[in-house]
Amino acid sequence: MPKSTRHAVYELYYHIVFVPKYRQPVLTGKAEPLESIFAEICDDKDIELVEAKIMDDHVHLFVGSPPKNAPSLLVNWLKGISARYYNDRHDDRIKWTRSYYVGTAGSVSKDAIEQYIWEQYE
């Protein structure tokens, strides 16, 4: 279901993947605290957390966001704030790599959009 702001109607979802430093399996047993931290960040930043899966050596997040937030900003918030919150609250430490993957997802395919645009000229 599309959401809206004062000036836009949108349906923007991102699949975000990132890994701990050196891709070590250091996230074992940390899924529950990290998921709650990601949920807290999303609530604070007005981001919809659709799904969060914490694997031993990487994180998958599926989030929805208004168009004012660039995907790189979302990743910056999720990685930076989560590391700071986790490290402040626990004895062990988490460090994320600088790299990440982000992919977009929506309810309409690229082909359907192209078809719609071309039909406007017929």
PDB file of N, CA and C in Angstrom:
ATOM      1  N   MET A   1       0.836  -1.173   0.000  1.00  0.00           N
ATOM      2  CA  MET A   1       0.000   0.000   0.000  1.00  0.00           C
ATOM      3  C   MET A   1       0.887   1.246   0.000  1.00  0.00           C
ATOM      4  N   PRO A   2       0.738   2.116  -0.975  1.00  0.00           N
ATOM      5  CA  PRO A   2       1.558   3.327  -1.011  1.00  0.00           C
ATOM      6  C   PRO A   2       1.335   4.219   0.208  1.00  0.00           C
ATOM      7  N   LYS A   3       2.370   4.917   0.587  1.00  0.00           N
ATOM      8  CA  LYS A   3       2.310   5.877   1.683  1.00  0.00           C
ATOM      9  C   LYS A   3       2.426   7.263   1.085  1.00  0.00           C
ATOM     10  N   SER A   4       2.230   8.270   1.900  1.00  0.00           N
ATOM     11  CA  SER A   4       2.315   9.616   1.347  1.00  0.00           C
ATOM     12  C   SER A   4       2.867  10.606   2.361  1.00  0.00           C
ATOM     13  N   THR A   5       3.440  11.654   1.805  1.00  0.00           N
ATOM     14  CA  THR A   5       3.836  12.823   2.571  1.00  0.00           C
ATOM     15  C   THR A   5       2.969  13.970   2.064  1.00  0.00           C
ATOM     16  N   ARG A   6       3.267  15.182   2.453  1.00  0.00           N
ATOM     17  CA  ARG A   6       2.482  16.312   1.963  1.00  0.00           C
ATOM     18  C   ARG A   6       2.596  16.483   0.460  1.00  0.00           C
ATOM     19  N   HIS A   7       3.749  16.073  -0.115  1.00  0.00           N
ATOM     20  CA  HIS A   7       3.996  16.351  -1.518  1.00  0.00           C
ATOM     21  C   HIS A   7       4.276  15.124  -2.384  1.00  0.00           C
ATOM     22  N   ALA A   8       4.240  13.947  -1.789  1.00  0.00           N
ATOM     23  CA  ALA A   8       4.601  12.762  -2.567  1.00  0.00           C
ATOM     24  C   ALA A   8       3.810  11.540  -2.118  1.00  0.00           C
ATOM     25  N   VAL A   9       3.546  10.681  -3.078  1.00  0.00           N
ATOM     26  CA  VAL A   9       3.021   9.350  -2.797  1.00  0.00           C
ATOM     27  C   VAL A   9       4.149   8.394  -3.180  1.00  0.00           C
ATOM     28  N   TYR A  10       4.464   7.471  -2.300  1.00  0.00           N
ATOM     29  CA  TYR A  10       5.645   6.639  -2.548  1.00  0.00           C
ATOM     30  C   TYR A  10       5.433   5.225  -2.036  1.00  0.00           C
ATOM     31  N   GLU A  11       6.249   4.348  -2.577  1.00  0.00           N
ATOM     32  CA  GLU A  11       6.349   2.963  -2.131  1.00  0.00           C
ATOM     33  C   GLU A  11       7.790   2.533  -2.395  1.00  0.00           C
ATOM     34  N   LEU A  12       8.674   2.928  -1.491  1.00  0.00           N
ATOM     35  CA  LEU A  12      10.103   2.675  -1.650  1.00  0.00           C
ATOM     36  C   LEU A  12      10.578   1.700  -0.581  1.00  0.00           C
ATOM     37  N   TYR A  13      11.101   0.592  -1.036  1.00  0.00           N
ATOM     38  CA  TYR A  13      11.631  -0.419  -0.129  1.00  0.00           C
ATOM     39  C   TYR A  13      13.044  -0.776  -0.567  1.00  0.00           C
ATOM     40  N   TYR A  14      13.908  -1.017   0.409  1.00  0.00           N
ATOM     41  CA  TYR A  14      15.315  -1.318   0.134  1.00  0.00           C
ATOM     42  C   TYR A  14      15.729  -2.596   0.850  1.00  0.00           C
ATOM     43  N   HIS A  15      16.471  -3.428   0.136  1.00  0.00           N
ATOM     44  CA  HIS A  15      17.113  -4.599   0.728  1.00  0.00           C
ATOM     45  C   HIS A  15      18.555  -4.182   0.989  1.00  0.00           C
ATOM     46  N   ILE A  16      18.944  -4.176   2.245  1.00  0.00           N
ATOM     47  CA  ILE A  16      20.275  -3.718   2.644  1.00  0.00           C
ATOM     48  C   ILE A  16      21.026  -4.889   3.276  1.00  0.00           C
ATOM     49  N   VAL A  17      22.260  -5.085   2.838  1.00  0.00           N
ATOM     50  CA  VAL A  17      23.113  -6.143   3.392  1.00  0.00           C
ATOM     51  C   VAL A  17      24.455  -5.527   3.748  1.00  0.00           C
ATOM     52  N   PHE A  18      24.934  -5.819   4.958  1.00  0.00           N
ATOM     53  CA  PHE A  18      26.290  -5.400   5.325  1.00  0.00           C
ATOM     54  C   PHE A  18      26.905  -6.427   6.270  1.00  0.00           C
ATOM     55  N   VAL A  19      28.217  -6.345   6.422  1.00  0.00           N
ATOM     56  CA  VAL A  19      28.960  -7.380   7.141  1.00  0.00           C
ATOM     57  C   VAL A  19      29.849  -6.747   8.209  1.00  0.00           C
ATOM     58  N   PRO A  20      30.186  -7.549   9.239  1.00  0.00           N
ATOM     59  CA  PRO A  20      31.140  -7.050  10.234  1.00  0.00           C
ATOM     60  C   PRO A  20      32.551  -7.002   9.652  1.00  0.00           C
ATOM     61  N   LYS A  21      33.388  -6.243  10.297  1.00  0.00           N
ATOM     62  CA  LYS A  21      34.777  -6.082   9.864  1.00  0.00           C
ATOM     63  C   LYS A  21      35.414  -7.455   9.650  1.00  0.00           C
ATOM     64  N   TYR A  22      36.094  -7.623   8.538  1.00  0.00           N
ATOM     65  CA  TYR A  22      36.801  -8.843   8.142  1.00  0.00           C
ATOM     66  C   TYR A  22      35.861 -10.034   7.925  1.00  0.00           C
ATOM     67  N   ARG A  23      34.565  -9.798   7.849  1.00  0.00           N
ATOM     68  CA  ARG A  23      33.528 -10.815   7.648  1.00  0.00           C
ATOM     69  C   ARG A  23      33.701 -12.007   8.588  1.00  0.00           C
ATOM     70  N   GLN A  24      34.054 -11.713   9.805  1.00  0.00           N
ATOM     71  CA  GLN A  24      34.184 -12.742  10.829  1.00  0.00           C
ATOM     72  C   GLN A  24      32.795 -13.104  11.365  1.00  0.00           C
ATOM     73  N   PRO A  25      32.577 -14.368  11.752  1.00  0.00           N
ATOM     74  CA  PRO A  25      31.271 -14.774  12.284  1.00  0.00           C
ATOM     75  C   PRO A  25      31.075 -14.322  13.733  1.00  0.00           C
ATOM     76  N   VAL A  26      31.130 -13.020  13.961  1.00  0.00           N
ATOM     77  CA  VAL A  26      31.056 -12.462  15.316  1.00  0.00           C
ATOM     78  C   VAL A  26      29.635 -12.116  15.747  1.00  0.00           C
ATOM     79  N   LEU A  27      28.650 -12.325  14.871  1.00  0.00           N
ATOM     80  CA  LEU A  27      27.274 -11.957  15.208  1.00  0.00           C
ATOM     81  C   LEU A  27      26.490 -13.117  15.817  1.00  0.00           C
ATOM     82  N   THR A  28      27.148 -14.247  16.029  1.00  0.00           N
ATOM     83  CA  THR A  28      26.497 -15.403  16.630  1.00  0.00           C
ATOM     84  C   THR A  28      25.986 -15.035  18.020  1.00  0.00           C
ATOM     85  N   GLY A  29      24.712 -15.269  18.253  1.00  0.00           N
ATOM     86  CA  GLY A  29      24.118 -14.966  19.552  1.00  0.00           C
ATOM     87  C   GLY A  29      23.755 -13.506  19.762  1.00  0.00           C
ATOM     88  N   LYS A  30      23.945 -12.673  18.751  1.00  0.00           N
ATOM     89  CA  LYS A  30      23.666 -11.242  18.900  1.00  0.00           C
ATOM     90  C   LYS A  30      22.437 -10.800  18.120  1.00  0.00           C
ATOM     91  N   ALA A  31      21.701 -11.761  17.555  1.00  0.00           N
ATOM     92  CA  ALA A  31      20.566 -11.415  16.699  1.00  0.00           C
ATOM     93  C   ALA A  31      19.497 -10.638  17.461  1.00  0.00           C
ATOM     94  N   GLU A  32      19.140 -11.104  18.636  1.00  0.00           N
ATOM     95  CA  GLU A  32      18.059 -10.460  19.383  1.00  0.00           C
ATOM     96  C   GLU A  32      18.385  -9.010  19.761  1.00  0.00           C
ATOM     97  N   PRO A  33      19.551  -8.750  20.366  1.00  0.00           N
ATOM     98  CA  PRO A  33      19.839  -7.344  20.692  1.00  0.00           C
ATOM     99  C   PRO A  33      19.980  -6.466  19.450  1.00  0.00           C
ATOM    100  N   LEU A  34      20.569  -7.002  18.386  1.00  0.00           N
ATOM    101  CA  LEU A  34      20.724  -6.199  17.172  1.00  0.00           C
ATOM    102  C   LEU A  34      19.383  -5.912  16.511  1.00  0.00           C
ATOM    103  N   GLU A  35      18.492  -6.895  16.477  1.00  0.00           N
ATOM    104  CA  GLU A  35      17.168  -6.661  15.886  1.00  0.00           C
ATOM    105  C   GLU A  35      16.416  -5.581  16.645  1.00  0.00           C
ATOM    106  N   SER A  36      16.509  -5.594  17.967  1.00  0.00           N
ATOM    107  CA  SER A  36      15.823  -4.552  18.747  1.00  0.00           C
ATOM    108  C   SER A  36      16.471  -3.187  18.534  1.00  0.00           C
ATOM    109  N   ILE A  37      17.788  -3.155  18.349  1.00  0.00           N
ATOM    110  CA  ILE A  37      18.475  -1.895  18.060  1.00  0.00           C
ATOM    111  C   ILE A  37      18.060  -1.372  16.686  1.00  0.00           C
ATOM    112  N   PHE A  38      18.005  -2.241  15.681  1.00  0.00           N
ATOM    113  CA  PHE A  38      17.561  -1.809  14.347  1.00  0.00           C
ATOM    114  C   PHE A  38      16.123  -1.294  14.398  1.00  0.00           C
ATOM    115  N   ALA A  39      15.250  -1.963  15.163  1.00  0.00           N
ATOM    116  CA  ALA A  39      13.863  -1.502  15.305  1.00  0.00           C
ATOM    117  C   ALA A  39      13.817  -0.126  15.974  1.00  0.00           C
ATOM    118  N   GLU A  40      14.639   0.076  16.978  1.00  0.00           N
ATOM    119  CA  GLU A  40      14.706   1.372  17.679  1.00  0.00           C
ATOM    120  C   GLU A  40      15.166   2.488  16.739  1.00  0.00           C
ATOM    121  N   ILE A  41      16.184   2.211  15.952  1.00  0.00           N
ATOM    122  CA  ILE A  41      16.689   3.201  14.990  1.00  0.00           C
ATOM    123  C   ILE A  41      15.604   3.542  13.979  1.00  0.00           C
ATOM    124  N   CYS A  42      14.942   2.524  13.451  1.00  0.00           N
ATOM    125  CA  CYS A  42      13.901   2.752  12.450  1.00  0.00           C
ATOM    126  C   CYS A  42      12.750   3.571  13.029  1.00  0.00           C
ATOM    127  N   ASP A  43      12.365   3.293  14.261  1.00  0.00           N
ATOM    128  CA  ASP A  43      11.313   4.091  14.897  1.00  0.00           C
ATOM    129  C   ASP A  43      11.744   5.547  15.038  1.00  0.00           C
ATOM    130  N   ASP A  44      12.972   5.767  15.467  1.00  0.00           N
ATOM    131  CA  ASP A  44      13.479   7.128  15.656  1.00  0.00           C
ATOM    132  C   ASP A  44      13.569   7.901  14.346  1.00  0.00           C
ATOM    133  N   LYS A  45      13.906   7.216  13.254  1.00  0.00           N
ATOM    134  CA  LYS A  45      14.150   7.880  11.971  1.00  0.00           C
ATOM    135  C   LYS A  45      12.960   7.801  11.014  1.00  0.00           C
ATOM    136  N   ASP A  46      11.812   7.312  11.470  1.00  0.00           N
ATOM    137  CA  ASP A  46      10.605   7.200  10.650  1.00  0.00           C
ATOM    138  C   ASP A  46      10.829   6.306   9.423  1.00  0.00           C
ATOM    139  N   ILE A  47      11.462   5.159   9.678  1.00  0.00           N
ATOM    140  CA  ILE A  47      11.719   4.149   8.656  1.00  0.00           C
ATOM    141  C   ILE A  47      10.913   2.918   9.029  1.00  0.00           C
ATOM    142  N   GLU A  48      10.336   2.251   8.044  1.00  0.00           N
ATOM    143  CA  GLU A  48       9.588   1.026   8.302  1.00  0.00           C
ATOM    144  C   GLU A  48      10.546  -0.164   8.229  1.00  0.00           C
ATOM    145  N   LEU A  49      10.690  -0.866   9.327  1.00  0.00           N
ATOM    146  CA  LEU A  49      11.501  -2.083   9.341  1.00  0.00           C
ATOM    147  C   LEU A  49      10.577  -3.257   9.025  1.00  0.00           C
ATOM    148  N   VAL A  50      10.672  -3.751   7.795  1.00  0.00           N
ATOM    149  CA  VAL A  50       9.810  -4.843   7.347  1.00  0.00           C
ATOM    150  C   VAL A  50      10.364  -6.176   7.841  1.00  0.00           C
ATOM    151  N   GLU A  51      11.674  -6.353   7.699  1.00  0.00           N
ATOM    152  CA  GLU A  51      12.306  -7.616   8.080  1.00  0.00           C
ATOM    153  C   GLU A  51      13.750  -7.364   8.462  1.00  0.00           C
ATOM    154  N   ALA A  52      14.231  -8.107   9.456  1.00  0.00           N
ATOM    155  CA  ALA A  52      15.639  -8.058   9.857  1.00  0.00           C
ATOM    156  C   ALA A  52      16.095  -9.480  10.145  1.00  0.00           C
ATOM    157  N   LYS A  53      17.152  -9.900   9.485  1.00  0.00           N
ATOM    158  CA  LYS A  53      17.732 -11.224   9.723  1.00  0.00           C
ATOM    159  C   LYS A  53      19.219 -11.040   9.986  1.00  0.00           C
ATOM    160  N   ILE A  54      19.643 -11.509  11.134  1.00  0.00           N
ATOM    161  CA  ILE A  54      21.046 -11.406  11.527  1.00  0.00           C
ATOM    162  C   ILE A  54      21.657 -12.791  11.383  1.00  0.00           C
ATOM    163  N   MET A  55      22.598 -12.933  10.457  1.00  0.00           N
ATOM    164  CA  MET A  55      23.310 -14.190  10.272  1.00  0.00           C
ATOM    165  C   MET A  55      24.607 -14.110  11.084  1.00  0.00           C
ATOM    166  N   ASP A  56      25.380 -15.189  11.106  1.00  0.00           N
ATOM    167  CA  ASP A  56      26.629 -15.179  11.867  1.00  0.00           C
ATOM    168  C   ASP A  56      27.626 -14.150  11.341  1.00  0.00           C
ATOM    169  N   ASP A  57      27.627 -13.940  10.006  1.00  0.00           N
ATOM    170  CA  ASP A  57      28.642 -13.068   9.417  1.00  0.00           C
ATOM    171  C   ASP A  57      28.084 -11.959   8.522  1.00  0.00           C
ATOM    172  N   HIS A  58      26.774 -11.728   8.551  1.00  0.00           N
ATOM    173  CA  HIS A  58      26.195 -10.617   7.799  1.00  0.00           C
ATOM    174  C   HIS A  58      24.771 -10.324   8.264  1.00  0.00           C
ATOM    175  N   VAL A  59      24.272  -9.168   7.850  1.00  0.00           N
ATOM    176  CA  VAL A  59      22.952  -8.687   8.245  1.00  0.00           C
ATOM    177  C   VAL A  59      22.129  -8.411   6.990  1.00  0.00           C
ATOM    178  N   HIS A  60      20.873  -8.858   6.983  1.00  0.00           N
ATOM    179  CA  HIS A  60      19.909  -8.524   5.936  1.00  0.00           C
ATOM    180  C   HIS A  60      18.819  -7.665   6.553  1.00  0.00           C
ATOM    181  N   LEU A  61      18.570  -6.503   5.980  1.00  0.00           N
ATOM    182  CA  LEU A  61      17.473  -5.648   6.420  1.00  0.00           C
ATOM    183  C   LEU A  61      16.597  -5.319   5.226  1.00  0.00           C
ATOM    184  N   PHE A  62      15.308  -5.309   5.439  1.00  0.00           N
ATOM    185  CA  PHE A  62      14.351  -4.894   4.419  1.00  0.00           C
ATOM    186  C   PHE A  62      13.564  -3.749   5.018  1.00  0.00           C
ATOM    187  N   VAL A  63      13.773  -2.542   4.478  1.00  0.00           N
ATOM    188  CA  VAL A  63      13.195  -1.341   5.076  1.00  0.00           C
ATOM    189  C   VAL A  63      12.442  -0.519   4.041  1.00  0.00           C
ATOM    190  N   GLY A  64      11.434   0.200   4.513  1.00  0.00           N
ATOM    191  CA  GLY A  64      10.706   1.156   3.694  1.00  0.00           C
ATOM    192  C   GLY A  64      11.007   2.551   4.196  1.00  0.00           C
ATOM    193  N   SER A  65      11.133   3.491   3.259  1.00  0.00           N
ATOM    194  CA  SER A  65      11.532   4.838   3.650  1.00  0.00           C
ATOM    195  C   SER A  65      10.894   5.883   2.744  1.00  0.00           C
ATOM    196  N   PRO A  66      10.639   7.072   3.279  1.00  0.00           N
ATOM    197  CA  PRO A  66      10.174   8.168   2.421  1.00  0.00           C
ATOM    198  C   PRO A  66      11.261   8.566   1.423  1.00  0.00           C
ATOM    199  N   PRO A  67      10.873   9.206   0.321  1.00  0.00           N
ATOM    200  CA  PRO A  67      11.854   9.561  -0.704  1.00  0.00           C
ATOM    201  C   PRO A  67      12.893  10.596  -0.256  1.00  0.00           C
ATOM    202  N   LYS A  68      12.657  11.284   0.846  1.00  0.00           N
ATOM    203  CA  LYS A  68      13.635  12.276   1.310  1.00  0.00           C
ATOM    204  C   LYS A  68      14.933  11.629   1.819  1.00  0.00           C
ATOM    205  N   ASN A  69      14.886  10.334   2.127  1.00  0.00           N
ATOM    206  CA  ASN A  69      16.062   9.630   2.648  1.00  0.00           C
ATOM    207  C   ASN A  69      16.756   8.849   1.543  1.00  0.00           C
ATOM    208  N   ALA A  70      17.958   9.238   1.223  1.00  0.00           N
ATOM    209  CA  ALA A  70      18.743   8.505   0.228  1.00  0.00           C
ATOM    210  C   ALA A  70      19.136   7.133   0.794  1.00  0.00           C
ATOM    211  N   PRO A  71      19.253   6.123  -0.059  1.00  0.00           N
ATOM    212  CA  PRO A  71      19.661   4.803   0.436  1.00  0.00           C
ATOM    213  C   PRO A  71      20.992   4.835   1.199  1.00  0.00           C
ATOM    214  N   SER A  72      21.933   5.640   0.747  1.00  0.00           N
ATOM    215  CA  SER A  72      23.220   5.729   1.452  1.00  0.00           C
ATOM    216  C   SER A  72      23.049   6.309   2.855  1.00  0.00           C
ATOM    217  N   LEU A  73      22.108   7.224   3.032  1.00  0.00           N
ATOM    218  CA  LEU A  73      21.831   7.783   4.353  1.00  0.00           C
ATOM    219  C   LEU A  73      21.221   6.724   5.266  1.00  0.00           C
ATOM    220  N   LEU A  74      20.321   5.915   4.727  1.00  0.00           N
ATOM    221  CA  LEU A  74      19.729   4.836   5.517  1.00  0.00           C
ATOM    222  C   LEU A  74      20.805   3.878   6.017  1.00  0.00           C
ATOM    223  N   VAL A  75      21.709   3.496   5.124  1.00  0.00           N
ATOM    224  CA  VAL A  75      22.788   2.579   5.500  1.00  0.00           C
ATOM    225  C   VAL A  75      23.676   3.230   6.552  1.00  0.00           C
ATOM    226  N   ASN A  76      23.990   4.502   6.359  1.00  0.00           N
ATOM    227  CA  ASN A  76      24.823   5.229   7.318  1.00  0.00           C
ATOM    228  C   ASN A  76      24.173   5.218   8.703  1.00  0.00           C
ATOM    229  N   TRP A  77      22.887   5.516   8.758  1.00  0.00           N
ATOM    230  CA  TRP A  77      22.183   5.485  10.045  1.00  0.00           C
ATOM    231  C   TRP A  77      22.197   4.096  10.653  1.00  0.00           C
ATOM    232  N   LEU A  78      21.823   3.087   9.867  1.00  0.00           N
ATOM    233  CA  LEU A  78      21.678   1.739  10.403  1.00  0.00           C
ATOM    234  C   LEU A  78      23.009   1.153  10.877  1.00  0.00           C
ATOM    235  N   LYS A  79      24.063   1.378  10.133  1.00  0.00           N
ATOM    236  CA  LYS A  79      25.363   0.846  10.535  1.00  0.00           C
ATOM    237  C   LYS A  79      25.973   1.663  11.670  1.00  0.00           C
ATOM    238  N   GLY A  80      25.990   2.974  11.517  1.00  0.00           N
ATOM    239  CA  GLY A  80      26.661   3.829  12.503  1.00  0.00           C
ATOM    240  C   GLY A  80      25.981   3.827  13.854  1.00  0.00           C
ATOM    241  N   ILE A  81      24.683   4.020  13.860  1.00  0.00           N
ATOM    242  CA  ILE A  81      23.965   4.098  15.130  1.00  0.00           C
ATOM    243  C   ILE A  81      23.910   2.725  15.802  1.00  0.00           C
ATOM    244  N   SER A  82      23.734   1.663  15.005  1.00  0.00           N
ATOM    245  CA  SER A  82      23.659   0.323  15.609  1.00  0.00           C
ATOM    246  C   SER A  82      24.974  -0.055  16.286  1.00  0.00           C
ATOM    247  N   ALA A  83      26.090   0.254  15.664  1.00  0.00           N
ATOM    248  CA  ALA A  83      27.390  -0.060  16.281  1.00  0.00           C
ATOM    249  C   ALA A  83      27.563   0.734  17.571  1.00  0.00           C
ATOM    250  N   ARG A  84      27.211   2.006  17.532  1.00  0.00           N
ATOM    251  CA  ARG A  84      27.356   2.843  18.732  1.00  0.00           C
ATOM    252  C   ARG A  84      26.450   2.350  19.862  1.00  0.00           C
ATOM    253  N   TYR A  85      25.170   2.075  19.556  1.00  0.00           N
ATOM    254  CA  TYR A  85      24.246   1.584  20.576  1.00  0.00           C
ATOM    255  C   TYR A  85      24.699   0.239  21.131  1.00  0.00           C
ATOM    256  N   TYR A  86      25.071  -0.687  20.241  1.00  0.00           N
ATOM    257  CA  TYR A  86      25.482  -2.017  20.700  1.00  0.00           C
ATOM    258  C   TYR A  86      26.735  -1.920  21.574  1.00  0.00           C
ATOM    259  N   ASN A  87      27.718  -1.162  21.129  1.00  0.00           N
ATOM    260  CA  ASN A  87      28.975  -1.059  21.867  1.00  0.00           C
ATOM    261  C   ASN A  87      28.795  -0.358  23.211  1.00  0.00           C
ATOM    262  N   ASP A  88      27.845   0.562  23.315  1.00  0.00           N
ATOM    263  CA  ASP A  88      27.566   1.225  24.590  1.00  0.00           C
ATOM    264  C   ASP A  88      26.866   0.295  25.574  1.00  0.00           C
ATOM    265  N   ARG A  89      26.075  -0.648  25.060  1.00  0.00           N
ATOM    266  CA  ARG A  89      25.232  -1.489  25.911  1.00  0.00           C
ATOM    267  C   ARG A  89      25.820  -2.855  26.238  1.00  0.00           C
ATOM    268  N   HIS A  90      26.871  -3.265  25.530  1.00  0.00           N
ATOM    269  CA  HIS A  90      27.420  -4.610  25.717  1.00  0.00           C
ATOM    270  C   HIS A  90      28.937  -4.545  25.887  1.00  0.00           C
ATOM    271  N   ASP A  91      29.486  -5.600  26.492  1.00  0.00           N
ATOM    272  CA  ASP A  91      30.928  -5.654  26.738  1.00  0.00           C
ATOM    273  C   ASP A  91      31.733  -5.905  25.476  1.00  0.00           C
ATOM    274  N   ASP A  92      31.213  -6.748  24.571  1.00  0.00           N
ATOM    275  CA  ASP A  92      31.935  -6.998  23.321  1.00  0.00           C
ATOM    276  C   ASP A  92      31.617  -5.879  22.324  1.00  0.00           C
ATOM    277  N   ARG A  93      32.356  -5.823  21.226  1.00  0.00           N
ATOM    278  CA  ARG A  93      32.230  -4.716  20.287  1.00  0.00           C
ATOM    279  C   ARG A  93      31.862  -5.227  18.902  1.00  0.00           C
ATOM    280  N   ILE A  94      31.164  -4.369  18.161  1.00  0.00           N
ATOM    281  CA  ILE A  94      30.847  -4.651  16.767  1.00  0.00           C
ATOM    282  C   ILE A  94      31.422  -3.523  15.927  1.00  0.00           C
ATOM    283  N   LYS A  95      32.082  -3.900  14.847  1.00  0.00           N
ATOM    284  CA  LYS A  95      32.543  -2.935  13.851  1.00  0.00           C
ATOM    285  C   LYS A  95      32.060  -3.425  12.503  1.00  0.00           C
ATOM    286  N   TRP A  96      31.455  -2.521  11.728  1.00  0.00           N
ATOM    287  CA  TRP A  96      30.986  -2.871  10.394  1.00  0.00           C
ATOM    288  C   TRP A  96      32.026  -2.449   9.359  1.00  0.00           C
ATOM    289  N   THR A  97      32.056  -3.155   8.231  1.00  0.00           N
ATOM    290  CA  THR A  97      32.912  -2.712   7.124  1.00  0.00           C
ATOM    291  C   THR A  97      32.299  -1.451   6.518  1.00  0.00           C
ATOM    292  N   ARG A  98      33.042  -0.780   5.684  1.00  0.00           N
ATOM    293  CA  ARG A  98      32.515   0.416   5.016  1.00  0.00           C
ATOM    294  C   ARG A  98      31.626   0.042   3.837  1.00  0.00           C
ATOM    295  N   SER A  99      31.740  -1.178   3.351  1.00  0.00           N
ATOM    296  CA  SER A  99      30.971  -1.575   2.169  1.00  0.00           C
ATOM    297  C   SER A  99      29.577  -2.076   2.559  1.00  0.00           C
ATOM    298  N   TYR A 100      28.688  -2.093   1.578  1.00  0.00           N
ATOM    299  CA  TYR A 100      27.330  -2.584   1.779  1.00  0.00           C
ATOM    300  C   TYR A 100      26.696  -2.871   0.433  1.00  0.00           C
ATOM    301  N   TYR A 101      25.575  -3.572   0.465  1.00  0.00           N
ATOM    302  CA  TYR A 101      24.752  -3.794  -0.722  1.00  0.00           C
ATOM    303  C   TYR A 101      23.401  -3.159  -0.445  1.00  0.00           C
ATOM    304  N   VAL A 102      22.836  -2.484  -1.448  1.00  0.00           N
ATOM    305  CA  VAL A 102      21.461  -2.000  -1.340  1.00  0.00           C
ATOM    306  C   VAL A 102      20.773  -2.235  -2.678  1.00  0.00           C
ATOM    307  N   GLY A 103      19.585  -2.796  -2.617  1.00  0.00           N
ATOM    308  CA  GLY A 103      18.765  -3.024  -3.802  1.00  0.00           C
ATOM    309  C   GLY A 103      17.375  -2.483  -3.547  1.00  0.00           C
ATOM    310  N   THR A 104      16.717  -2.038  -4.590  1.00  0.00           N
ATOM    311  CA  THR A 104      15.372  -1.503  -4.430  1.00  0.00           C
ATOM    312  C   THR A 104      14.343  -2.587  -4.697  1.00  0.00           C
ATOM    313  N   ALA A 105      13.193  -2.407  -4.099  1.00  0.00           N
ATOM    314  CA  ALA A 105      12.081  -3.328  -4.316  1.00  0.00           C
ATOM    315  C   ALA A 105      10.796  -2.523  -4.305  1.00  0.00           C
ATOM    316  N   GLY A 106       9.872  -2.924  -5.134  1.00  0.00           N
ATOM    317  CA  GLY A 106       8.579  -2.255  -5.184  1.00  0.00           C
ATOM    318  C   GLY A 106       7.534  -3.217  -5.681  1.00  0.00           C
ATOM    319  N   SER A 107       6.346  -2.712  -5.858  1.00  0.00           N
ATOM    320  CA  SER A 107       5.261  -3.590  -6.269  1.00  0.00           C
ATOM    321  C   SER A 107       5.105  -3.664  -7.783  1.00  0.00           C
ATOM    322  N   VAL A 108       5.871  -2.850  -8.520  1.00  0.00           N
ATOM    323  CA  VAL A 108       5.746  -2.802  -9.968  1.00  0.00           C
ATOM    324  C   VAL A 108       7.117  -3.067 -10.590  1.00  0.00           C
ATOM    325  N   SER A 109       7.140  -3.890 -11.642  1.00  0.00           N
ATOM    326  CA  SER A 109       8.403  -4.200 -12.291  1.00  0.00           C
ATOM    327  C   SER A 109       8.833  -3.085 -13.239  1.00  0.00           C
ATOM    328  N   LYS A 110      10.088  -3.101 -13.611  1.00  0.00           N
ATOM    329  CA  LYS A 110      10.646  -2.139 -14.569  1.00  0.00           C
ATOM    330  C   LYS A 110       9.893  -2.205 -15.890  1.00  0.00           C
ATOM    331  N   ASP A 111       9.601  -3.405 -16.360  1.00  0.00           N
ATOM    332  CA  ASP A 111       8.880  -3.571 -17.627  1.00  0.00           C
ATOM    333  C   ASP A 111       7.476  -2.970 -17.563  1.00  0.00           C
ATOM    334  N   ALA A 112       6.801  -3.134 -16.437  1.00  0.00           N
ATOM    335  CA  ALA A 112       5.452  -2.584 -16.294  1.00  0.00           C
ATOM    336  C   ALA A 112       5.483  -1.054 -16.334  1.00  0.00           C
ATOM    337  N   ILE A 113       6.493  -0.455 -15.739  1.00  0.00           N
ATOM    338  CA  ILE A 113       6.617   1.010 -15.759  1.00  0.00           C
ATOM    339  C   ILE A 113       6.894   1.499 -17.173  1.00  0.00           C
ATOM    340  N   GLU A 114       7.815   0.840 -17.877  1.00  0.00           N
ATOM    341  CA  GLU A 114       8.102   1.220 -19.266  1.00  0.00           C
ATOM    342  C   GLU A 114       6.844   1.116 -20.122  1.00  0.00           C
ATOM    343  N   GLN A 115       6.104   0.037 -19.951  1.00  0.00           N
ATOM    344  CA  GLN A 115       4.853  -0.161 -20.696  1.00  0.00           C
ATOM    345  C   GLN A 115       3.872   0.976 -20.393  1.00  0.00           C
ATOM    346  N   TYR A 116       3.722   1.343 -19.130  1.00  0.00           N
ATOM    347  CA  TYR A 116       2.810   2.412 -18.736  1.00  0.00           C
ATOM    348  C   TYR A 116       3.213   3.741 -19.376  1.00  0.00           C
ATOM    349  N   ILE A 117       4.500   4.053 -19.362  1.00  0.00           N
ATOM    350  CA  ILE A 117       4.982   5.317 -19.939  1.00  0.00           C
ATOM    351  C   ILE A 117       4.693   5.359 -21.431  1.00  0.00           C
ATOM    352  N   TRP A 118       4.979   4.265 -22.141  1.00  0.00           N
ATOM    353  CA  TRP A 118       4.742   4.238 -23.587  1.00  0.00           C
ATOM    354  C   TRP A 118       3.259   4.327 -23.921  1.00  0.00           C
ATOM    355  N   GLU A 119       2.409   3.763 -23.081  1.00  0.00           N
ATOM    356  CA  GLU A 119       0.969   3.827 -23.315  1.00  0.00           C
ATOM    357  C   GLU A 119       0.427   5.250 -23.167  1.00  0.00           C
ATOM    358  N   GLN A 120       1.129   6.113 -22.462  1.00  0.00           N
ATOM    359  CA  GLN A 120       0.681   7.496 -22.292  1.00  0.00           C
ATOM    360  C   GLN A 120       0.750   8.272 -23.586  1.00  0.00           C
ATOM    361  N   TYR A 121       1.572   7.824 -24.544  1.00  0.00           N
ATOM    362  CA  TYR A 121       1.737   8.523 -25.820  1.00  0.00           C
ATOM    363  C   TYR A 121       0.862   7.943 -26.925  1.00  0.00           C
ATOM    364  N   GLU A 122       0.112   6.893 -26.656  1.00  0.00           N
ATOM    365  CA  GLU A 122      -0.723   6.272 -27.683  1.00  0.00           C
ATOM    366  C   GLU A 122      -2.099   6.859 -27.714  1.00  0.00           C
TER     367      GLU A 122
END
